C-alpha atoms as a PDB file:
ATOM      1  CA  MET A   1     -11.681  -8.128   9.219  1.00  0.00           C
ATOM      2  CA  ARG A   2     -13.361  -6.606   5.869  1.00  0.00           C
ATOM      3  CA  ILE A   3     -16.417  -3.941   6.152  1.00  0.00           C
ATOM      4  CA  GLU A   4     -18.416  -3.714   3.257  1.00  0.00           C
ATOM      5  CA  ILE A   5     -20.701  -0.337   2.935  1.00  0.00           C
ATOM      6  CA  GLU A   6     -23.249   0.124   0.489  1.00  0.00           C
ATOM      7  CA  ARG A   7     -25.924   3.279   0.453  1.00  0.00           C
ATOM      8  CA  GLU A   8     -29.167   2.364   0.535  1.00  0.00           C
ATOM      9  CA  GLU A   9     -32.331   3.686  -1.877  1.00  0.00           C
ATOM     10  CA  ASP A  10     -33.468   5.956   1.060  1.00  0.00           C
ATOM     11  CA  GLY A  11     -30.032   7.417   1.980  1.00  0.00           C
ATOM     12  CA  ARG A  12     -29.140   5.453   4.997  1.00  0.00           C
ATOM     13  CA  TRP A  13     -25.563   3.840   4.916  1.00  0.00           C
ATOM     14  CA  ILE A  14     -25.680   0.371   5.513  1.00  0.00           C
ATOM     15  CA  ALA A  15     -22.122  -1.931   6.895  1.00  0.00           C
ATOM     16  CA  GLU A  16     -21.258  -5.375   7.363  1.00  0.00           C
ATOM     17  CA  VAL A  17     -18.648  -7.544   8.459  1.00  0.00           C
ATOM     18  CA  PRO A  18     -18.870 -10.441   6.088  1.00  0.00           C
ATOM     19  CA  GLU A  19     -16.650 -13.049   8.221  1.00  0.00           C
ATOM     20  CA  LEU A  20     -19.022 -12.513  11.197  1.00  0.00           C
ATOM     21  CA  SER A  21     -22.406 -13.772  10.134  1.00  0.00           C
ATOM     22  CA  GLY A  22     -25.579 -11.211  11.205  1.00  0.00           C
ATOM     23  CA  VAL A  23     -23.017  -8.552  11.538  1.00  0.00           C
ATOM     24  CA  MET A  24     -24.096  -5.349   9.949  1.00  0.00           C
ATOM     25  CA  ALA A  25     -25.624  -1.876  11.029  1.00  0.00           C
ATOM     26  CA  TYR A  26     -26.918   1.364   9.689  1.00  0.00           C
ATOM     27  CA  GLY A  27     -26.197   4.657   9.984  1.00  0.00           C
ATOM     28  CA  LYS A  28     -27.541   8.179   8.650  1.00  0.00           C
ATOM     29  CA  THR A  29     -23.699   8.713   7.568  1.00  0.00           C
ATOM     30  CA  ARG A  30     -20.846   6.094   6.449  1.00  0.00           C
ATOM     31  CA  GLN A  31     -18.768   7.373   9.162  1.00  0.00           C
ATOM     32  CA  GLU A  32     -21.611   6.485  11.498  1.00  0.00           C
ATOM     33  CA  ALA A  33     -22.571   3.019   9.862  1.00  0.00           C
ATOM     34  CA  VAL A  34     -18.811   2.169   9.691  1.00  0.00           C
ATOM     35  CA  ALA A  35     -18.555   3.081  13.359  1.00  0.00           C
ATOM     36  CA  LYS A  36     -21.301   1.159  14.647  1.00  0.00           C
ATOM     37  CA  VAL A  37     -20.403  -1.890  12.842  1.00  0.00           C
ATOM     38  CA  GLU A  38     -16.945  -1.926  14.205  1.00  0.00           C
ATOM     39  CA  ALA A  39     -18.482  -1.598  17.586  1.00  0.00           C
ATOM     40  CA  LEU A  40     -20.640  -4.243  17.192  1.00  0.00           C
ATOM     41  CA  ALA A  41     -18.069  -6.796  15.207  1.00  0.00           C
ATOM     42  CA  LEU A  42     -15.963  -6.409  18.652  1.00  0.00           C
ATOM     43  CA  ARG A  43     -18.593  -7.291  20.978  1.00  0.00           C
ATOM     44  CA  VAL A  44     -19.355 -10.462  18.811  1.00  0.00           C
ATOM     45  CA  LEU A  45     -15.398 -11.422  18.961  1.00  0.00           C
ATOM     46  CA  ALA A  46     -15.435 -10.563  22.619  1.00  0.00           C
ATOM     47  CA  ASP A  47     -18.544 -12.718  23.534  1.00  0.00           C
ATOM     48  CA  ARG A  48     -16.804 -15.727  21.266  1.00  0.00           C
ATOM     49  CA  LEU A  49     -13.769 -15.668  23.300  1.00  0.00           C
ATOM     50  CA  ASP A  50     -15.709 -15.177  26.275  1.00  0.00           C
ATOM     51  CA  HIS A  51     -17.316 -18.777  25.648  1.00  0.00           C
ATOM     52  CA  GLY A  52     -14.432 -20.631  24.011  1.00  0.00           C
ATOM     53  CA  GLU A  53     -15.781 -20.065  20.579  1.00  0.00           C
ATOM     54  CA  SER A  54     -13.454 -19.707  17.438  1.00  0.00           C
ATOM     55  CA  ILE A  55     -13.071 -16.447  15.853  1.00  0.00           C
ATOM     56  CA  PRO A  56     -11.494 -15.668  12.285  1.00  0.00           C
ATOM     57  CA  GLU A  57      -7.814 -15.005  12.089  1.00  0.00           C
ATOM     58  CA  LEU A  58      -7.147 -11.510  12.048  1.00  0.00           C
ATOM     59  CA  LYS A  59      -4.571 -10.242   9.867  1.00  0.00           C
ATOM     60  CA  GLU A  60      -6.076  -6.647  10.136  1.00  0.00           C
ATOM     61  CA  LEU A  61      -8.729  -5.068  12.592  1.00  0.00           C
ATOM     62  CA  PHE A  62     -10.694  -3.712  10.004  1.00  0.00           C
ATOM     63  CA  THR A  63     -10.383  -2.772   6.090  1.00  0.00           C
ATOM     64  CA  SER A  64     -13.574  -1.170   4.333  1.00  0.00           C
ATOM     65  CA  SER A  65     -14.141  -2.031   0.740  1.00  0.00           C
ATOM     66  CA  ALA A  66     -15.979   1.533  -0.300  1.00  0.00           C
END
């Protein structure tokens, strides 16, 4: 799953997993934002599996684009 990372004008970092709608997280550092979004993505995937919902095909767990 691809992680997109950007720095906001106020200095915070935002990380997003486009394959999972709404999965994004802010952090004071790039590493914090990535760690938070990875944890959130795993929770969303686990919840979908628990409820019998489909998840995206995973070739790699996480890759980043910045």
